[in-house]
Protein backbone atom coordinates (compact mmCIF):
# COMPACT_ATOMS: atom_id res chain seq x y z
CA MET A 1 -21.16 3.90 23.64
CA HIS A 2 -18.52 4.80 20.90
CA THR A 3 -15.18 5.99 22.08
CA ARG A 4 -13.56 8.44 19.60
CA ASP A 5 -10.99 6.03 18.39
CA GLU A 6 -13.30 3.43 18.07
CA PHE A 7 -13.31 1.14 14.66
CA LEU A 8 -16.75 -0.53 13.79
CA LEU A 9 -16.71 -3.64 11.68
CA ARG A 10 -20.33 -4.54 11.15
CA VAL A 11 -20.87 -8.00 10.33
CA ALA A 12 -23.87 -9.94 8.49
CA GLY A 13 -24.92 -13.68 7.81
CA SER A 14 -23.86 -13.46 4.16
CA SER A 15 -20.67 -11.03 5.04
CA GLN A 16 -17.31 -12.88 3.06
CA THR A 17 -15.44 -14.79 5.91
CA SER A 18 -11.99 -13.82 4.06
CA LYS A 19 -12.96 -10.15 3.16
CA VAL A 20 -13.97 -9.67 6.83
CA ALA A 21 -10.77 -11.32 7.48
CA GLY A 22 -8.75 -8.47 5.85
CA ALA A 23 -10.50 -5.80 6.77
CA ILE A 24 -9.82 -6.69 10.46
CA ALA A 25 -6.13 -7.29 9.45
CA GLY A 26 -5.78 -4.10 7.65
CA VAL A 27 -7.13 -1.97 10.86
CA MET A 28 -5.46 -4.20 13.40
CA ARG A 29 -2.61 -2.88 11.47
CA GLU A 30 -3.37 0.79 11.47
CA ARG A 31 -4.58 1.22 14.85
CA GLY A 32 -3.60 -1.52 17.02
CA HIS A 33 -7.71 -2.64 17.97
CA VAL A 34 -10.75 -3.15 15.97
CA HIS A 35 -14.60 -3.87 17.53
CA VAL A 36 -16.57 -6.46 15.31
CA GLN A 37 -20.27 -6.45 15.83
CA ALA A 38 -22.87 -9.62 14.42
CA ILE A 39 -26.61 -9.63 14.87
CA GLY A 40 -28.02 -13.56 14.94
CA ALA A 41 -26.36 -17.06 14.55
CA SER A 42 -25.02 -16.80 11.15
CA ALA A 43 -23.35 -13.65 11.33
CA VAL A 44 -22.17 -14.52 14.99
CA ASN A 45 -20.92 -17.46 13.03
CA GLN A 46 -18.95 -15.21 10.13
CA ALA A 47 -17.61 -12.69 12.56
CA VAL A 48 -15.96 -15.31 14.80
CA LYS A 49 -14.42 -17.08 11.77
CA ALA A 50 -13.41 -14.04 9.90
CA ILE A 51 -11.37 -12.72 13.50
CA THR A 52 -9.93 -16.30 13.10
CA VAL A 53 -8.63 -16.37 10.39
CA ALA A 54 -7.08 -12.69 10.73
CA ARG A 55 -5.19 -14.24 13.13
CA GLY A 56 -3.74 -15.94 10.46
CA PHE A 57 -2.96 -13.08 8.70
CA LEU A 58 -1.70 -11.15 11.26
CA LYS A 59 0.73 -14.00 12.75
CA GLU A 60 3.33 -13.45 9.85
CA ASP A 61 3.24 -9.94 11.05
CA GLY A 62 4.43 -10.76 14.25
CA ILE A 63 1.11 -9.50 15.67
CA GLU A 64 -1.05 -12.01 18.08
CA LEU A 65 -4.74 -11.18 18.62
CA VAL A 66 -6.91 -11.78 21.83
CA PHE A 67 -10.61 -10.99 21.59
CA PHE A 68 -13.62 -10.64 24.22
CA ALA A 69 -17.15 -10.16 23.62
CA GLU A 70 -19.98 -7.88 24.74
CA LEU A 71 -23.35 -7.57 24.39
CA VAL A 72 -24.56 -4.39 23.44
CA ASP A 73 -27.91 -2.53 21.96
CA VAL A 74 -28.74 -1.20 18.83
CA GLU A 75 -31.25 0.34 17.15
CA ILE A 76 -32.10 -0.57 13.84
CA ASP A 77 -35.43 0.57 12.03
CA ASP A 78 -36.87 2.04 15.61
CA LYS A 79 -36.38 -0.71 17.48
CA VAL A 80 -33.99 -1.89 19.75
CA ARG A 81 -31.72 -4.95 19.11
CA THR A 82 -28.96 -7.13 21.16
CA ALA A 83 -25.52 -7.27 19.66
CA LEU A 84 -22.11 -9.53 20.26
CA LYS A 85 -19.49 -6.92 19.77
CA PHE A 86 -16.21 -8.41 19.57
CA VAL A 87 -13.14 -6.47 20.92
CA VAL A 88 -10.06 -7.09 18.93
CA GLU A 89 -6.68 -6.52 20.37
CA GLN A 90 -3.26 -7.20 19.86
CA ARG A 91 -1.88 -9.33 23.00
CA ARG A 92 0.54 -7.39 24.88
């Protein structure tokens, strides 16, 4: 379920880590939180690497990231798939 202010980035196995990291950092600066969704091992790998790189980008701005993961069901081509959704927030 998406809340009104939720911003969701979808990551594929072919996604470029640096571009996803830049998007995460940009949304974090603007909104203070972002959700990153990945389906499959390659996509999850890219998502975790991107969050790690974004953490470095944001540390220079004094923003420390934390994240946790949850399983979500998504419908793709009339089939339900399980995705991993990373909830990324600023450490308080």
